[in-house]
Amino acid sequence: MRQRLETIFFNEPEKRDRDKEFERGLQLSKKQALTLANESFDAIIQILEEIKLKPQLLLWQPYQTMPPLTYSSNDNDSTLLDMMVQMVREVHNHTGQIMYIAKMRK
C-alpha cells in the first residue's frame, strides 16, 4: 500500500522486489518489522493529511496518462478514492495470510 501511494503522491519509483519478498530465506527481526510498519504508517498518515486539506484529490485519476495497468484490480480511469477503497479491501486478505502463516509456524 505504501509503495502505491508514494508512487502516486511523491513520484517515487517502484522499488519493491516482489520476487525477493517471497523468498523463504528473507527474514526480518521484530525491530526491523516494526520500523518498516511505522515508516509505512507515517507515509500513509502524511498522504491522508494532504487529502484532508485537498479533498478534491479523491477524484484525481493519477494513472490516466500512464501505460495500461496490468498488475492491479484498478484501471487507468480509477480515481484515488477507487484505489484507496481497493487497498483497504486488500489489507484484510494480507492480515489473514499473515495470521495463517504465523499459526503454521507455531
Protein backbone atom coordinates (compact mmCIF):
# COMPACT_ATOMS: atom_id res chain seq x y z
CA MET A 1 0.00 0.00 0.00
CA ARG A 2 2.76 2.40 0.94
CA GLN A 3 4.58 1.86 -2.35
CA ARG A 4 1.49 2.57 -4.42
CA LEU A 5 0.68 5.75 -2.54
CA GLU A 6 4.27 7.01 -2.62
CA THR A 7 4.41 6.36 -6.36
CA ILE A 8 1.22 8.37 -6.88
CA PHE A 9 1.87 11.25 -4.48
CA PHE A 10 5.63 11.64 -4.41
CA ASN A 11 6.63 10.29 -7.83
CA GLU A 12 8.73 7.68 -6.07
CA PRO A 13 9.91 4.97 -8.46
CA GLU A 14 8.60 1.45 -7.91
CA LYS A 15 11.32 -0.08 -5.75
CA ARG A 16 9.75 -3.26 -4.48
CA ASP A 17 11.36 -6.54 -5.41
CA ARG A 18 8.27 -8.72 -5.20
CA ASP A 19 10.15 -11.94 -6.04
CA LYS A 20 12.60 -11.36 -3.19
CA GLU A 21 9.74 -10.69 -0.77
CA PHE A 22 8.60 -14.29 -1.25
CA GLU A 23 11.99 -15.96 -0.85
CA ARG A 24 11.99 -18.41 2.03
CA GLY A 25 15.25 -17.04 3.42
CA LEU A 26 14.00 -13.47 3.80
CA GLN A 27 13.73 -12.67 7.48
CA LEU A 28 13.20 -9.51 9.46
CA SER A 29 13.81 -9.03 13.12
CA LYS A 30 10.93 -7.78 15.23
CA LYS A 31 12.63 -4.38 15.40
CA GLN A 32 13.07 -4.23 11.60
CA ALA A 33 9.43 -5.22 11.02
CA LEU A 34 8.18 -2.58 13.48
CA THR A 35 10.40 0.09 11.90
CA LEU A 36 9.09 -0.78 8.44
CA ALA A 37 5.49 -0.75 9.67
CA ASN A 38 5.95 2.60 11.43
CA GLU A 39 7.56 4.18 8.35
CA SER A 40 4.69 2.89 6.23
CA PHE A 41 2.02 4.24 8.56
CA ASP A 42 3.82 7.60 8.77
CA ALA A 43 3.76 7.87 4.96
CA ILE A 44 0.07 6.89 4.82
CA ILE A 45 -0.83 9.44 7.52
CA GLN A 46 1.08 12.15 5.65
CA ILE A 47 -0.91 11.37 2.49
CA LEU A 48 -4.23 11.30 4.36
CA GLU A 49 -3.42 14.71 5.87
CA GLU A 50 -2.82 16.06 2.37
CA ILE A 51 -6.16 14.63 1.20
CA LYS A 52 -7.85 16.18 4.24
CA LEU A 53 -6.57 19.59 3.10
CA LYS A 54 -7.46 18.96 -0.55
CA PRO A 55 -10.48 16.61 -0.71
CA GLN A 56 -10.70 17.11 -4.48
CA LEU A 57 -7.70 14.76 -4.70
CA LEU A 58 -10.11 11.88 -4.10
CA LEU A 59 -11.45 12.37 -7.64
CA TRP A 60 -7.98 12.61 -9.18
CA GLN A 61 -7.11 9.93 -11.77
CA PRO A 62 -3.33 9.59 -11.32
CA TYR A 63 -2.84 6.76 -13.83
CA GLN A 64 -4.78 8.41 -16.66
CA THR A 65 -1.64 9.30 -18.65
CA MET A 66 0.34 6.16 -17.85
CA PRO A 67 0.61 2.89 -19.78
CA PRO A 68 -2.21 0.40 -19.07
CA LEU A 69 -2.13 -1.06 -15.57
CA THR A 70 -1.67 -4.82 -15.65
CA TYR A 71 -0.90 -5.64 -12.01
CA SER A 72 -3.86 -4.08 -10.30
CA SER A 73 -7.59 -4.55 -9.92
CA ASN A 74 -7.84 -0.84 -10.70
CA ASP A 75 -7.53 0.55 -14.19
CA ASN A 76 -6.19 3.78 -15.63
CA ASP A 77 -9.54 5.51 -15.17
CA SER A 78 -9.67 4.72 -11.45
CA THR A 79 -9.81 7.66 -9.08
CA LEU A 80 -7.66 7.94 -6.00
CA LEU A 81 -10.76 7.08 -3.95
CA ASP A 82 -11.25 3.89 -6.01
CA MET A 83 -7.64 2.94 -5.36
CA MET A 84 -7.87 3.62 -1.64
CA VAL A 85 -11.03 1.51 -1.33
CA GLN A 86 -9.26 -1.33 -3.14
CA MET A 87 -6.24 -1.05 -0.82
CA VAL A 88 -8.49 -1.29 2.25
CA ARG A 89 -10.09 -4.41 0.73
CA GLU A 90 -6.65 -5.97 0.30
CA VAL A 91 -5.46 -5.29 3.85
CA HIS A 92 -7.75 -7.87 5.44
CA ASN A 93 -6.59 -10.50 2.94
CA HIS A 94 -2.96 -9.89 3.80
CA THR A 95 -3.74 -9.85 7.52
CA GLY A 96 -5.41 -13.23 7.14
CA GLN A 97 -2.40 -14.57 5.26
CA ILE A 98 -0.02 -13.36 7.96
CA MET A 99 -2.14 -14.94 10.71
CA TYR A 100 -2.36 -18.22 8.80
CA ILE A 101 1.42 -18.38 8.32
CA ALA A 102 2.05 -17.43 11.96
CA LYS A 103 -0.23 -20.27 13.13
CA MET A 104 1.55 -22.73 10.82
CA ARG A 105 4.91 -21.73 12.30
CA LYS A 106 3.83 -22.40 15.91
